[in-house]
Amino acid sequence: RSFDTKYGQLNLTILRDRNGRFENHTLPAYGRHSDNLETMVIQLYTKGITTAEIAELIEKMYGAHYSKATVSNMTKAVNEQVQAFQQR
C-alpha cells in the first residue's frame, strides 16, 4: 500500500501472520496519508485558500493528485470553526 508523508510517498508491504492477527501499531489502519498533510490542508483552508488551489498545491509539492472533493472532506472537520471565525 502507499502512504503519503511530508517527505514523499512510501510504498509499503504490510506483513500478515498465519492467524491474521497481525496489528500494525506504526501506521493507522487503512490510512493513506499522515496527519501532517491534513494539518497543512486545514491551515491553508482556514487562511482562505480555495479547495482547488489547495489540491493544486498538494499536487505540486507531493506529486500526488487530490481532487477538490478529497480536500473538501479533509476540511469538514473544521468548517464550523472557520465559519464562526469569518462571522466575527
Protein backbone atom coordinates (compact mmCIF):
# COMPACT_ATOMS: atom_id res chain seq x y z
CA ARG A 1 0.00 0.00 0.00
CA SER A 2 1.13 3.55 -0.49
CA PHE A 3 1.38 6.09 2.32
CA ASP A 4 1.88 9.84 1.77
CA THR A 5 4.17 11.67 4.18
CA LYS A 6 5.68 15.14 4.27
CA TYR A 7 8.83 13.60 2.77
CA GLY A 8 7.08 11.93 -0.15
CA GLN A 9 5.19 8.75 -0.93
CA LEU A 10 6.18 5.45 0.67
CA ASN A 11 5.32 2.10 -0.88
CA LEU A 12 4.82 -0.36 1.97
CA THR A 13 4.33 -4.08 2.29
CA ILE A 14 2.29 -4.92 5.40
CA LEU A 15 3.10 -8.33 6.81
CA ARG A 16 0.46 -10.82 7.89
CA ASP A 17 0.70 -13.76 10.28
CA ARG A 18 -0.86 -17.18 9.83
CA ASN A 19 -3.86 -16.43 12.01
CA GLY A 20 -4.49 -12.97 10.57
CA ARG A 21 -3.90 -11.32 13.94
CA PHE A 22 -1.01 -9.03 13.00
CA GLU A 23 -1.75 -5.48 14.09
CA ASN A 24 0.37 -2.64 12.79
CA HIS A 25 0.92 -0.05 15.53
CA THR A 26 3.15 2.24 13.47
CA LEU A 27 0.60 3.38 10.88
CA PRO A 28 -3.15 3.85 11.24
CA ALA A 29 -5.29 1.07 9.82
CA TYR A 30 -6.32 1.79 6.22
CA GLY A 31 -4.69 5.22 6.43
CA ARG A 32 -3.27 6.66 3.21
CA HIS A 33 -1.59 9.84 4.45
CA SER A 34 0.00 11.22 7.57
CA ASP A 35 -1.61 13.78 9.85
CA ASN A 36 0.89 16.37 8.64
CA LEU A 37 -0.88 16.59 5.29
CA GLU A 38 -4.29 17.02 6.90
CA THR A 39 -2.92 19.68 9.23
CA MET A 40 -1.42 21.58 6.31
CA VAL A 41 -4.68 21.38 4.34
CA ILE A 42 -6.69 22.65 7.31
CA GLN A 43 -4.26 25.52 7.93
CA LEU A 44 -4.41 26.58 4.28
CA TYR A 45 -8.20 26.36 4.27
CA THR A 46 -8.54 28.48 7.39
CA LYS A 47 -6.42 31.18 5.70
CA GLY A 48 -9.00 31.41 2.91
CA ILE A 49 -7.32 29.39 0.15
CA THR A 50 -9.85 27.52 -2.02
CA THR A 51 -10.03 23.74 -2.21
CA ALA A 52 -9.00 23.85 -5.87
CA GLU A 53 -5.88 25.86 -5.02
CA ILE A 54 -5.04 23.52 -2.13
CA ALA A 55 -5.41 20.48 -4.41
CA GLU A 56 -3.08 22.12 -6.93
CA LEU A 57 -0.51 22.90 -4.23
CA ILE A 58 -0.56 19.32 -2.94
CA GLU A 59 -0.01 18.02 -6.45
CA LYS A 60 2.97 20.34 -6.96
CA MET A 61 4.50 19.59 -3.56
CA TYR A 62 3.87 15.84 -3.24
CA GLY A 63 3.25 14.76 -6.83
CA ALA A 64 0.00 13.11 -5.75
CA HIS A 65 -3.37 14.05 -7.22
CA TYR A 66 -6.05 15.08 -4.73
CA SER A 67 -9.44 16.13 -6.04
CA LYS A 68 -11.32 19.15 -4.75
CA ALA A 69 -13.77 16.74 -3.12
CA THR A 70 -10.98 14.99 -1.19
CA VAL A 71 -9.64 18.31 0.08
CA SER A 72 -13.19 19.34 0.99
CA ASN A 73 -13.65 16.14 3.01
CA MET A 74 -10.44 16.91 4.92
CA THR A 75 -11.69 20.39 5.81
CA LYS A 76 -15.15 19.34 7.02
CA ALA A 77 -13.72 18.79 10.50
CA VAL A 78 -13.04 22.49 10.96
CA ASN A 79 -15.62 24.00 8.64
CA GLU A 80 -17.88 25.10 11.52
CA GLN A 81 -15.00 26.79 13.31
CA VAL A 82 -13.95 28.60 10.13
CA GLN A 83 -17.48 29.90 9.52
CA ALA A 84 -17.78 31.08 13.14
CA PHE A 85 -14.48 32.91 12.79
CA GLN A 86 -15.49 34.55 9.49
CA GLN A 87 -18.76 35.81 11.01
CA ARG A 88 -16.86 37.54 13.80
